[in-house]
Amino acid sequence: MTNARPLLDVRSLAIHTAAGLPLVKPVSLQVNRREIVALVGESGSGKTLSSLALMGLLPPGVNMTGGEIWLDDQRIASPHTPFDTPVRGKRLAMIFQEPMTSMNPVLKVGEQIAEVMVRHQQLSWKQAHREAIALLARVGIVNPEQRAKQYIHQLSGGMRQRVMIASAICCKPALLIADEPTTALDVTIQAQILTLLQELQQEMDMGILLITHDLSVVARYADRAYVMHQGNLVEQGPVAQLLTHPQEPYTRKLIGASQPEPREKTAEISFDAPLVRLRGLTKSYPQAQRLPFVPAKRQTVLFPTTLDIRRGEILGLIGESGSGKTTLGRAIIGLTDTDSGDIEFDGVSLTLASQGTRQKMRRRAQIIFQDPYASLNPKIPIGEQIAEPLRVYKLRPAALIQARVEELLKLVGLEAHHASRLPGAFSGGQRQRVAIARALALEPELLVADEAVSALDLSVRGQILALLDQLRQQLGLTVLFISHDLAAVKQVCDRVVVLYHGKIVETGETARVLRAPQHPYTQTLLAAAPDITRALQLRQAG
């Protein structure tokens, strides 16, 4: 696997703020051709900052203060020389963690991918568009011709991430930096995407720097791994050796957090009157209108759905990206109108209720969105954003609001001094914690958690899951837990509902469904679920 010279050679990289605060201590790492190297660590450890330095994309006020970055024996960056911009996109590409902030919202998906190939490969627009459609199909997007004509906001979270991957690999770069490339993807598509990246890496002699907090992904796909903690590299080595015989306590902590045990269910669940009843709920969206005066066809994303959510339970809703999970969750709290059917909340039909009744219900049901950056105002400090609903609903006297904000921040693993920072100053995982704190501010009865822990590192994920369970027990909170993370579902959910192409195909107690699934799709999901031990076994089997 080792070469005489590495494809990427990072020598003593140091990153500081303009005020001199160290963010990344001198870090050295190498990536060879035809090699996948993982950079592992918790949220805020410096993983993403290091990768942005490699791309010459450090945010304002953050500077590379030491070291050199070499790509294929060419120095592309140092503190005293500008970044070699032509390298970016053509020989060096990156899959970003949050597609909504890295893709252009006013260009169609196909146009964005085609533009890269027109610029770097001198293809005609027509040829580039054909290649873009082929790439969308290759990364697992159904109906790629139709999706290529849509805008990024019209796609589900998982589809957005796949579009980002297609855009990054379109010019066949020498080095691909993948920053949490499968965070928003369900387990079946996750396996497809990582296998695809592995195949491309071998075909094109490409090196991949994989930035992730998912150690099962590292175990299955990476050749070597570096572990970062608070801006320092604390351990490195071949993956099998590092995961089976870790030397550092921090590495052992990460490995232990990646395989949590199911929590003991002690909360009281009411089996009498469900908090939420869904009866025959359907939802469809109009497709692009091809001819004037001809009614547009509609794409059904939710077929007639009947479901009860019991008081005090955590109900898991699992399924692949685009299966209708988010649509169902948004419909329950009134953010998405439905075509037919009825939603009953605490005995009141929301379909027949007045606007005033629906408005009162809003406080009693909150949602944690999948994309934290898109749900937070980038120009307002996060403390103000958490305090705003407290003021609007007058839940605390003015003098006590600040104390409540600090209490909420500490609940989700942040510090009180973070309240004065803007969302852009946080990592992806930290932003998700802010979104959770804001949703909990109103002390809701129903919490819809839409992939609420997908962007979080393992230890923080465990804290948030424990927090949801604790709030459920203390406050009688009911949670609809939408996730593709079967380990998280197994850990906290009382029941699980499996959604496939807009239809409920299986439901039951979590232990029973995950131990003995009846539907073929549920069996496929479980077979694809990542696990460190199984991943290392698959790796040894070839």
Protein backbone atom coordinates (compact mmCIF):
# COMPACT_ATOMS: atom_id res chain seq x y z
CA MET A 1 0.00 0.00 0.00
CA THR A 2 2.88 2.39 0.73
CA ASN A 3 4.55 4.33 -2.08
CA ALA A 4 7.95 6.01 -2.24
CA ARG A 5 6.18 9.37 -2.32
CA PRO A 6 2.70 10.10 -1.01
CA LEU A 7 0.04 11.66 -3.20
CA LEU A 8 -0.86 14.08 -0.39
CA ASP A 9 1.78 15.17 2.10
CA VAL A 10 0.68 17.50 4.90
CA ARG A 11 3.68 18.71 6.86
CA SER A 12 3.16 20.29 10.30
CA LEU A 13 -0.10 22.06 9.41
CA ALA A 14 -1.08 24.68 12.02
CA ILE A 15 -4.24 26.79 12.01
CA HIS A 16 -5.00 29.78 14.25
CA THR A 17 -7.66 32.45 14.49
CA ALA A 18 -6.73 36.04 13.66
CA ALA A 19 -6.51 36.66 17.42
CA GLY A 20 -3.92 33.90 17.75
CA LEU A 21 -6.11 31.15 19.23
CA PRO A 22 -4.77 27.74 18.11
CA LEU A 23 -7.41 25.58 16.40
CA VAL A 24 -5.20 22.91 14.85
CA LYS A 25 -1.81 22.14 16.40
CA PRO A 26 0.99 21.02 14.03
CA VAL A 27 -0.54 18.07 12.16
CA SER A 28 1.25 15.83 9.66
CA LEU A 29 -0.45 13.19 7.55
CA GLN A 30 -0.05 11.42 4.23
CA VAL A 31 -2.38 9.83 1.70
CA ASN A 32 -1.07 7.50 -1.00
CA ARG A 33 -2.56 6.69 -4.37
CA ARG A 34 -5.20 3.95 -4.31
CA GLU A 35 -5.53 4.40 -0.54
CA ILE A 36 -8.37 5.48 1.72
CA VAL A 37 -7.14 7.28 4.83
CA ALA A 38 -9.63 8.18 7.57
CA LEU A 39 -9.42 11.27 9.76
CA VAL A 40 -11.47 10.47 12.86
CA GLY A 41 -12.53 12.57 15.81
CA GLU A 42 -15.40 14.21 17.62
CA SER A 43 -17.25 17.30 16.46
CA GLY A 44 -15.00 20.36 16.86
CA SER A 45 -11.76 18.35 16.94
CA GLY A 46 -10.34 20.15 13.88
CA LYS A 47 -11.10 17.51 11.22
CA THR A 48 -13.11 19.76 8.90
CA LEU A 49 -10.84 22.79 9.43
CA SER A 50 -7.85 20.69 8.37
CA SER A 51 -9.68 19.56 5.23
CA LEU A 52 -10.69 23.14 4.38
CA ALA A 53 -7.04 24.16 4.65
CA LEU A 54 -6.18 21.46 2.09
CA MET A 55 -8.72 23.04 -0.29
CA GLY A 56 -7.68 26.63 0.41
CA LEU A 57 -11.15 27.35 1.81
CA LEU A 58 -10.50 28.41 5.41
CA PRO A 59 -13.20 30.84 6.63
CA PRO A 60 -12.44 34.54 7.20
CA GLY A 61 -10.56 35.15 10.44
CA VAL A 62 -8.97 31.69 10.37
CA ASN A 63 -5.48 31.33 8.92
CA MET A 64 -2.93 28.66 8.08
CA THR A 65 -0.02 29.76 10.27
CA GLY A 66 2.44 26.91 9.80
CA GLY A 67 3.41 23.95 7.67
CA GLU A 68 3.14 23.05 4.00
CA ILE A 69 0.69 21.08 1.86
CA TRP A 70 2.05 19.06 -1.07
CA LEU A 71 -0.01 17.32 -3.75
CA ASP A 72 1.87 14.94 -6.05
CA ASP A 73 5.25 16.62 -5.37
CA GLN A 74 3.80 20.09 -5.96
CA ARG A 75 3.50 22.52 -3.06
CA ILE A 76 -0.03 23.91 -3.22
CA ALA A 77 -0.19 25.87 0.05
CA SER A 78 1.91 27.37 2.83
CA PRO A 79 1.46 30.36 5.17
CA HIS A 80 3.44 32.65 2.88
CA THR A 81 2.23 31.56 -0.57
CA PRO A 82 -1.34 31.75 -1.95
CA PHE A 83 -3.26 28.55 -2.55
CA ASP A 84 -2.81 27.09 -6.04
CA THR A 85 -6.44 27.69 -7.09
CA PRO A 86 -6.44 25.81 -10.46
CA VAL A 87 -5.78 22.59 -8.53
CA ARG A 88 -9.17 22.84 -6.80
CA GLY A 89 -11.95 21.02 -8.66
CA LYS A 90 -9.68 19.46 -11.27
CA ARG A 91 -7.07 17.50 -9.28
CA LEU A 92 -8.39 18.06 -5.78
CA ALA A 93 -12.10 17.79 -4.95
CA MET A 94 -14.20 17.75 -1.81
CA ILE A 95 -17.53 16.31 -0.73
CA PHE A 96 -18.83 18.77 1.85
CA GLN A 97 -20.77 17.87 4.97
CA GLU A 98 -23.81 20.09 4.23
CA PRO A 99 -24.99 20.05 0.59
CA MET A 100 -27.49 22.91 1.08
CA THR A 101 -24.67 25.34 1.89
CA SER A 102 -22.27 24.12 -0.81
CA MET A 103 -24.63 23.77 -3.79
CA ASN A 104 -26.09 26.72 -5.73
CA PRO A 105 -29.80 27.08 -4.87
CA VAL A 106 -30.71 28.89 -8.14
CA LEU A 107 -29.19 26.39 -10.57
CA LYS A 108 -30.70 23.03 -11.40
CA VAL A 109 -28.83 19.98 -10.18
CA GLY A 110 -27.81 18.82 -13.66
CA GLU A 111 -26.54 22.29 -14.58
CA GLN A 112 -24.28 22.46 -11.53
CA ILE A 113 -22.62 19.13 -12.24
CA ALA A 114 -22.33 19.89 -15.97
CA GLU A 115 -20.74 23.29 -15.26
CA VAL A 116 -17.79 21.68 -13.51
CA MET A 117 -17.10 19.40 -16.48
CA VAL A 118 -17.46 22.24 -18.99
CA ARG A 119 -14.96 24.34 -17.04
CA HIS A 120 -12.33 21.70 -16.25
CA GLN A 121 -12.73 19.12 -19.04
CA GLN A 122 -13.78 21.43 -21.90
CA LEU A 123 -16.85 19.33 -22.72
CA SER A 124 -19.79 20.78 -24.62
CA TRP A 125 -22.85 21.59 -22.48
CA LYS A 126 -24.84 18.87 -24.21
CA GLN A 127 -22.18 16.23 -23.57
CA ALA A 128 -21.62 17.44 -20.00
CA HIS A 129 -25.36 17.21 -19.29
CA ARG A 130 -25.43 13.58 -20.48
CA GLU A 131 -22.45 12.80 -18.26
CA ALA A 132 -24.18 14.51 -15.31
CA ILE A 133 -27.27 12.30 -15.70
CA ALA A 134 -25.07 9.19 -15.89
CA LEU A 135 -23.26 10.26 -12.70
CA LEU A 136 -26.55 10.81 -10.86
CA ALA A 137 -27.62 7.29 -11.82
CA ARG A 138 -24.28 5.90 -10.68
CA VAL A 139 -24.58 7.37 -7.19
CA GLY A 140 -27.96 5.71 -6.71
CA ILE A 141 -30.50 8.40 -7.66
CA VAL A 142 -33.71 7.02 -9.15
CA ASN A 143 -35.08 8.86 -12.23
CA PRO A 144 -31.84 10.82 -12.80
CA GLU A 145 -33.23 12.66 -15.86
CA GLN A 146 -36.04 14.09 -13.74
CA ARG A 147 -33.81 14.86 -10.74
CA ALA A 148 -31.30 16.69 -12.98
CA LYS A 149 -34.06 19.21 -13.76
CA GLN A 150 -34.81 19.91 -10.10
CA TYR A 151 -33.25 22.35 -7.65
CA ILE A 152 -31.27 21.18 -4.65
CA HIS A 153 -33.99 22.23 -2.15
CA GLN A 154 -36.49 19.94 -3.91
CA LEU A 155 -34.51 16.82 -2.98
CA SER A 156 -34.42 14.88 0.26
CA GLY A 157 -31.38 15.15 2.52
CA GLY A 158 -29.91 11.88 1.29
CA MET A 159 -30.42 12.80 -2.37
CA ARG A 160 -28.70 16.15 -1.81
CA GLN A 161 -25.65 14.36 -0.46
CA ARG A 162 -25.57 12.04 -3.47
CA VAL A 163 -25.71 15.04 -5.82
CA MET A 164 -22.77 16.53 -3.92
CA ILE A 165 -20.81 13.29 -4.41
CA ALA A 166 -21.61 13.20 -8.15
CA SER A 167 -20.41 16.80 -8.49
CA ALA A 168 -17.15 16.04 -6.66
CA ILE A 169 -16.18 12.97 -8.70
CA CYS A 170 -17.20 14.29 -12.13
CA CYS A 171 -13.65 15.38 -13.07
CA LYS A 172 -12.00 12.25 -11.66
CA PRO A 173 -9.69 14.09 -9.22
CA ALA A 174 -6.36 12.68 -8.02
CA LEU A 175 -7.36 13.28 -4.39
CA LEU A 176 -10.90 13.30 -3.04
CA ILE A 177 -11.59 14.76 0.40
CA ALA A 178 -14.86 13.31 1.72
CA ASP A 179 -16.14 15.21 4.77
CA GLU A 180 -18.84 12.99 6.34
CA PRO A 181 -19.98 11.87 2.84
CA THR A 182 -22.65 9.45 4.08
CA THR A 183 -23.94 11.28 7.16
CA ALA A 184 -27.42 11.88 5.69
CA LEU A 185 -27.74 8.55 3.90
CA ASP A 186 -29.59 5.42 4.94
CA VAL A 187 -27.51 2.31 5.51
CA THR A 188 -28.23 0.65 2.16
CA ILE A 189 -27.29 3.74 0.12
CA GLN A 190 -24.36 4.40 2.46
CA ALA A 191 -22.88 1.03 1.53
CA GLN A 192 -23.48 1.69 -2.18
CA ILE A 193 -21.83 5.13 -2.06
CA LEU A 194 -18.77 3.99 -0.12
CA THR A 195 -18.35 0.97 -2.37
CA LEU A 196 -18.63 3.32 -5.37
CA LEU A 197 -15.94 5.60 -3.95
CA GLN A 198 -13.77 2.55 -3.32
CA GLU A 199 -14.23 1.41 -6.95
CA LEU A 200 -13.46 4.88 -8.33
CA GLN A 201 -10.38 5.11 -6.15
CA GLN A 202 -9.03 1.85 -7.63
CA GLU A 203 -10.01 2.73 -11.22
CA MET A 204 -8.38 6.17 -11.22
CA ASP A 205 -5.44 5.64 -8.83
CA MET A 206 -7.22 8.16 -6.64
CA GLY A 207 -6.44 8.83 -3.00
CA ILE A 208 -9.29 9.49 -0.58
CA LEU A 209 -9.14 11.37 2.71
CA LEU A 210 -12.27 10.24 4.53
CA ILE A 211 -13.34 12.51 7.39
CA THR A 212 -15.88 10.77 9.61
CA HIS A 213 -17.05 10.02 13.12
CA ASP A 214 -18.46 6.60 12.08
CA LEU A 215 -15.90 3.99 13.11
CA SER A 216 -17.83 1.17 11.42
CA VAL A 217 -17.29 2.97 8.08
CA VAL A 218 -13.60 3.34 8.94
CA ALA A 219 -13.40 -0.36 9.82
CA ARG A 220 -14.94 -1.44 6.51
CA TYR A 221 -13.35 0.93 3.99
CA ALA A 222 -10.25 2.75 5.27
CA ASP A 223 -6.68 1.45 5.02
CA ARG A 224 -5.16 3.73 7.66
CA ALA A 225 -6.63 6.13 10.21
CA TYR A 226 -5.58 9.25 12.10
CA VAL A 227 -7.40 10.17 15.33
CA MET A 228 -7.81 13.87 16.19
CA HIS A 229 -8.74 15.34 19.55
CA GLN A 230 -8.89 19.07 20.35
CA GLY A 231 -6.73 19.99 17.38
CA ASN A 232 -4.06 17.35 18.01
CA LEU A 233 -3.29 14.04 16.30
CA VAL A 234 -3.34 11.57 19.19
CA GLU A 235 -3.01 8.23 17.37
CA GLN A 236 -2.50 6.78 13.90
CA GLY A 237 -1.98 3.42 12.26
CA PRO A 238 -3.48 0.67 10.09
CA VAL A 239 -7.20 0.41 10.70
CA ALA A 240 -7.37 -3.20 11.90
CA GLN A 241 -4.58 -2.59 14.41
CA LEU A 242 -5.93 0.76 15.61
CA LEU A 243 -9.48 -0.53 16.19
CA THR A 244 -8.51 -3.83 17.83
CA HIS A 245 -5.53 -2.61 19.89
CA PRO A 246 -5.96 1.14 20.49
CA GLN A 247 -3.18 2.74 22.53
CA GLU A 248 -4.80 6.03 23.57
CA PRO A 249 -7.68 6.32 26.10
CA TYR A 250 -9.47 8.73 23.74
CA THR A 251 -9.45 6.17 20.92
CA ARG A 252 -10.79 3.51 23.28
CA LYS A 253 -13.55 5.93 24.31
CA LEU A 254 -14.59 6.45 20.66
CA ILE A 255 -14.68 2.71 20.00
CA GLY A 256 -16.77 2.09 23.12
CA ALA A 257 -19.27 4.81 22.13
CA SER A 258 -19.73 3.31 18.66
CA GLN A 259 -21.45 0.17 19.97
CA PRO A 260 -23.92 1.31 22.66
CA GLU A 261 -26.22 -1.05 24.47
CA PRO A 262 -30.01 -0.55 24.38
CA ARG A 263 -31.21 1.66 27.23
CA GLU A 264 -33.51 0.15 29.83
CA LYS A 265 -37.06 1.33 29.11
CA THR A 266 -38.51 2.70 32.38
CA ALA A 267 -40.91 5.38 31.09
CA GLU A 268 -44.66 4.94 31.40
CA ILE A 269 -46.38 4.59 28.03
CA SER A 270 -50.12 5.13 27.79
CA PHE A 271 -51.98 2.52 25.74
CA ASP A 272 -55.37 4.22 26.14
CA ALA A 273 -55.64 7.33 23.98
CA PRO A 274 -52.72 7.95 21.57
CA LEU A 275 -51.32 11.47 21.49
CA VAL A 276 -51.30 11.41 17.67
CA ARG A 277 -53.57 9.48 15.30
CA LEU A 278 -53.02 9.39 11.55
CA ARG A 279 -55.82 8.05 9.39
CA GLY A 280 -55.39 7.52 5.65
CA LEU A 281 -52.80 10.28 5.28
CA THR A 282 -51.58 10.88 1.69
CA LYS A 283 -49.23 13.38 0.08
CA SER A 284 -48.08 13.98 -3.50
CA TYR A 285 -46.11 16.70 -5.28
CA PRO A 286 -46.64 18.04 -8.83
CA GLN A 287 -43.96 17.17 -11.36
CA ALA A 288 -42.65 19.65 -13.90
CA GLN A 289 -45.36 20.72 -16.38
CA ARG A 290 -44.16 19.80 -19.86
CA LEU A 291 -46.90 21.52 -21.90
CA PRO A 292 -49.07 24.56 -21.13
CA PHE A 293 -52.73 23.91 -20.29
CA VAL A 294 -51.91 20.24 -19.63
CA PRO A 295 -52.30 19.32 -15.96
CA ALA A 296 -48.99 18.35 -14.36
CA LYS A 297 -48.59 14.78 -13.19
CA ARG A 298 -48.15 14.23 -9.47
CA GLN A 299 -45.60 12.08 -7.71
CA THR A 300 -46.98 10.31 -4.64
CA VAL A 301 -44.53 10.30 -1.75
CA LEU A 302 -46.94 9.11 0.95
CA PHE A 303 -49.61 6.51 0.27
CA PRO A 304 -52.62 6.12 2.62
CA THR A 305 -50.93 5.91 6.03
CA THR A 306 -52.57 4.94 9.31
CA LEU A 307 -50.52 5.17 12.49
CA ASP A 308 -50.84 5.84 16.22
CA ILE A 309 -48.16 7.49 18.37
CA ARG A 310 -48.68 6.63 22.04
CA ARG A 311 -48.16 9.11 24.84
CA GLY A 312 -44.74 8.86 26.44
CA GLU A 313 -43.16 6.59 23.82
CA ILE A 314 -40.23 7.08 21.48
CA LEU A 315 -41.41 5.78 18.12
CA GLY A 316 -38.71 5.07 15.55
CA LEU A 317 -39.48 5.79 11.89
CA ILE A 318 -36.90 4.22 9.60
CA GLY A 319 -36.54 3.90 5.86
CA GLU A 320 -34.25 4.91 3.04
CA SER A 321 -33.80 8.46 1.78
CA GLY A 322 -36.87 9.61 -0.17
CA SER A 323 -39.19 7.06 1.44
CA GLY A 324 -41.45 9.77 2.89
CA LYS A 325 -40.14 9.88 6.49
CA THR A 326 -39.56 13.64 6.61
CA THR A 327 -42.83 14.37 4.77
CA LEU A 328 -44.72 12.37 7.40
CA GLY A 329 -42.97 14.13 10.28
CA ARG A 330 -43.57 17.62 8.84
CA ALA A 331 -47.22 16.80 8.15
CA ILE A 332 -47.81 15.82 11.79
CA ILE A 333 -46.74 19.23 13.10
CA GLY A 334 -48.47 21.18 10.33
CA LEU A 335 -45.47 22.26 8.24
CA THR A 336 -46.64 20.27 5.20
CA ASP A 337 -50.20 20.17 3.88
CA THR A 338 -51.56 16.74 3.00
CA ASP A 339 -53.80 15.68 0.11
CA SER A 340 -56.23 13.60 2.15
CA GLY A 341 -56.66 11.83 5.46
CA ASP A 342 -56.83 13.15 9.00
CA ILE A 343 -54.30 14.06 11.71
CA GLU A 344 -55.63 14.01 15.28
CA PHE A 345 -53.53 15.54 18.05
CA ASP A 346 -54.64 14.94 21.66
CA GLY A 347 -58.18 14.18 20.51
CA VAL A 348 -58.50 17.23 18.23
CA SER A 349 -58.73 16.81 14.45
CA LEU A 350 -56.24 19.26 12.94
CA THR A 351 -57.86 18.82 9.54
CA LEU A 352 -61.08 20.38 10.88
CA ALA A 353 -59.55 22.71 13.48
CA SER A 354 -59.51 26.49 13.21
CA GLN A 355 -56.32 28.45 12.52
CA GLY A 356 -56.21 29.55 16.16
CA THR A 357 -56.36 25.96 17.42
CA ARG A 358 -53.57 24.95 15.08
CA GLN A 359 -51.47 27.88 16.27
CA LYS A 360 -51.83 26.76 19.90
CA MET A 361 -50.80 23.26 18.89
CA ARG A 362 -47.56 24.59 17.42
CA ARG A 363 -46.07 25.17 20.85
CA ARG A 364 -46.97 21.63 21.94
CA ALA A 365 -45.20 19.99 19.00
CA GLN A 366 -41.68 20.90 17.86
CA ILE A 367 -39.29 19.58 15.24
CA ILE A 368 -35.53 19.14 15.09
CA PHE A 369 -34.68 19.57 11.41
CA GLN A 370 -32.25 17.37 9.51
CA ASP A 371 -30.10 20.28 8.25
CA PRO A 372 -29.17 22.50 11.22
CA TYR A 373 -27.54 25.23 9.12
CA ALA A 374 -30.67 25.77 7.03
CA SER A 375 -32.88 25.99 10.15
CA LEU A 376 -30.77 28.56 12.01
CA ASN A 377 -30.50 32.27 11.19
CA PRO A 378 -26.85 32.83 10.18
CA LYS A 379 -26.88 36.48 11.35
CA ILE A 380 -28.28 36.07 14.87
CA PRO A 381 -26.29 34.69 17.86
CA ILE A 382 -27.52 31.26 18.85
CA GLY A 383 -28.38 32.42 22.37
CA GLU A 384 -30.87 34.90 20.92
CA GLN A 385 -32.38 32.22 18.69
CA ILE A 386 -32.96 29.93 21.67
CA ALA A 387 -34.33 32.81 23.77
CA GLU A 388 -36.79 34.02 21.12
CA PRO A 389 -39.49 31.33 21.61
CA LEU A 390 -39.19 31.78 25.39
CA ARG A 391 -40.04 35.48 24.97
CA VAL A 392 -42.80 34.94 22.40
CA TYR A 393 -44.64 32.40 24.56
CA LYS A 394 -43.65 34.11 27.85
CA LEU A 395 -42.39 30.86 29.37
CA ARG A 396 -39.88 32.63 31.63
CA PRO A 397 -39.66 36.08 33.22
CA ALA A 398 -37.29 38.32 31.27
CA ALA A 399 -34.71 38.19 34.04
CA LEU A 400 -34.54 34.38 33.92
CA ILE A 401 -34.38 33.86 30.16
CA GLN A 402 -30.59 34.04 29.96
CA ALA A 403 -30.24 31.42 32.69
CA ARG A 404 -32.67 29.13 30.85
CA VAL A 405 -30.68 29.54 27.60
CA GLU A 406 -27.48 28.56 29.38
CA GLU A 407 -29.24 25.58 30.97
CA LEU A 408 -30.44 24.37 27.55
CA LEU A 409 -26.98 24.76 26.02
CA LYS A 410 -25.45 22.68 28.81
CA LEU A 411 -28.18 20.04 28.36
CA VAL A 412 -27.00 19.42 24.80
CA GLY A 413 -23.27 19.46 25.56
CA LEU A 414 -22.39 23.09 24.80
CA GLU A 415 -21.04 25.83 27.09
CA ALA A 416 -22.72 29.00 28.29
CA HIS A 417 -20.21 31.24 26.48
CA HIS A 418 -21.31 29.73 23.14
CA ALA A 419 -24.53 31.77 23.37
CA SER A 420 -22.85 34.85 21.86
CA ARG A 421 -21.56 33.04 18.76
CA LEU A 422 -23.14 32.96 15.30
CA PRO A 423 -24.10 29.56 13.75
CA GLY A 424 -21.21 29.81 11.28
CA ALA A 425 -18.72 29.60 14.15
CA PHE A 426 -19.77 26.05 15.00
CA SER A 427 -19.03 22.68 13.44
CA GLY A 428 -21.86 20.68 11.85
CA GLY A 429 -22.36 18.56 14.95
CA GLN A 430 -22.36 21.58 17.26
CA ARG A 431 -24.99 23.30 15.09
CA GLN A 432 -27.21 20.24 15.43
CA ARG A 433 -26.94 20.53 19.21
CA VAL A 434 -28.03 24.18 18.98
CA ALA A 435 -31.07 23.14 16.93
CA ILE A 436 -32.00 20.54 19.55
CA ALA A 437 -31.68 23.10 22.37
CA ARG A 438 -33.99 25.50 20.52
CA ALA A 439 -36.60 22.78 19.93
CA LEU A 440 -36.55 21.85 23.63
CA ALA A 441 -36.94 25.48 24.75
CA LEU A 442 -40.74 25.32 24.49
CA GLU A 443 -40.92 22.09 26.53
CA PRO A 444 -43.10 20.39 23.90
CA GLU A 445 -45.31 17.35 24.40
CA LEU A 446 -44.39 15.94 20.99
CA LEU A 447 -40.90 16.19 19.52
CA VAL A 448 -40.30 15.19 15.91
CA ALA A 449 -36.58 14.43 15.66
CA ASP A 450 -35.75 14.31 11.94
CA GLU A 451 -32.28 12.71 11.73
CA ALA A 452 -31.46 14.64 14.91
CA VAL A 453 -28.25 12.71 15.65
CA SER A 454 -27.07 11.97 12.10
CA ALA A 455 -24.47 14.77 12.14
CA LEU A 456 -23.21 14.10 15.66
CA ASP A 457 -20.10 12.25 16.70
CA LEU A 458 -20.52 9.06 18.67
CA SER A 459 -20.08 10.31 22.22
CA VAL A 460 -22.32 13.35 21.69
CA ARG A 461 -24.89 11.16 19.93
CA GLY A 462 -25.00 9.00 23.03
CA GLN A 463 -25.50 12.10 25.20
CA ILE A 464 -28.37 13.37 23.02
CA LEU A 465 -30.09 9.98 22.94
CA ALA A 466 -29.77 9.74 26.70
CA LEU A 467 -31.15 13.28 26.96
CA LEU A 468 -34.21 12.43 24.84
CA ASP A 469 -34.88 9.39 27.01
CA GLN A 470 -34.38 11.44 30.18
CA LEU A 471 -36.78 14.17 28.98
CA ARG A 472 -39.30 11.52 27.98
CA GLN A 473 -39.22 10.13 31.52
CA GLN A 474 -39.16 13.48 33.36
CA LEU A 475 -41.65 15.42 31.23
CA GLY A 476 -43.71 12.66 29.63
CA LEU A 477 -42.31 13.77 26.27
CA THR A 478 -43.44 11.82 23.20
CA VAL A 479 -40.86 11.51 20.42
CA LEU A 480 -41.15 10.58 16.76
CA PHE A 481 -37.55 9.57 16.06
CA ILE A 482 -36.89 9.68 12.30
CA SER A 483 -33.58 8.05 11.50
CA HIS A 484 -31.58 5.79 9.25
CA ASP A 485 -29.25 4.97 12.17
CA LEU A 486 -30.44 1.55 13.33
CA ALA A 487 -28.05 1.57 16.29
CA ALA A 488 -29.67 4.75 17.60
CA VAL A 489 -33.16 3.34 17.00
CA LYS A 490 -32.24 0.18 18.85
CA GLN A 491 -30.86 2.18 21.75
CA VAL A 492 -33.83 4.44 22.52
CA CYS A 493 -36.99 3.48 20.61
CA ASP A 494 -39.87 1.51 22.13
CA ARG A 495 -41.51 0.71 18.80
CA VAL A 496 -40.34 1.01 15.22
CA VAL A 497 -42.18 1.70 11.95
CA VAL A 498 -40.52 0.82 8.63
CA LEU A 499 -41.42 3.06 5.68
CA TYR A 500 -40.64 1.97 2.11
CA HIS A 501 -41.58 4.05 -0.94
CA GLY A 502 -44.26 5.89 1.02
CA LYS A 503 -45.86 2.79 2.55
CA ILE A 504 -45.61 1.28 6.03
CA VAL A 505 -44.30 -2.25 5.44
CA GLU A 506 -43.59 -3.33 9.03
CA THR A 507 -44.25 -2.15 12.56
CA GLY A 508 -43.77 -3.58 16.03
CA GLU A 509 -41.72 -3.53 19.22
CA THR A 510 -38.17 -2.47 18.43
CA ALA A 511 -36.47 -5.59 19.82
CA ARG A 512 -38.79 -7.89 17.86
CA VAL A 513 -38.50 -6.06 14.52
CA LEU A 514 -34.71 -5.71 14.68
CA ARG A 515 -34.19 -9.26 15.91
CA ALA A 516 -36.62 -11.05 13.58
CA PRO A 517 -37.68 -8.76 10.69
CA GLN A 518 -40.54 -10.07 8.56
CA HIS A 519 -40.45 -7.85 5.48
CA PRO A 520 -37.62 -8.31 2.91
CA TYR A 521 -36.83 -4.58 2.95
CA THR A 522 -36.37 -4.56 6.73
CA GLN A 523 -34.09 -7.58 6.35
CA THR A 524 -32.05 -5.68 3.75
CA LEU A 525 -31.75 -2.67 6.07
CA LEU A 526 -30.48 -4.79 8.94
CA ALA A 527 -28.01 -6.64 6.74
CA ALA A 528 -26.52 -3.32 5.60
CA ALA A 529 -26.37 -1.77 9.09
CA PRO A 530 -22.74 -0.87 9.94
CA ASP A 531 -20.95 -2.62 12.78
CA ILE A 532 -17.24 -2.51 13.65
CA THR A 533 -16.83 -6.23 14.33
CA ARG A 534 -18.76 -7.28 11.24
CA ALA A 535 -16.93 -4.67 9.13
CA LEU A 536 -13.52 -6.00 10.16
CA GLN A 537 -14.70 -9.55 9.38
CA LEU A 538 -15.92 -8.46 5.92
CA ARG A 539 -12.62 -6.74 5.34
CA GLN A 540 -10.66 -9.89 6.17
CA ALA A 541 -12.95 -11.92 3.91
CA GLY A 542 -12.10 -9.57 1.06
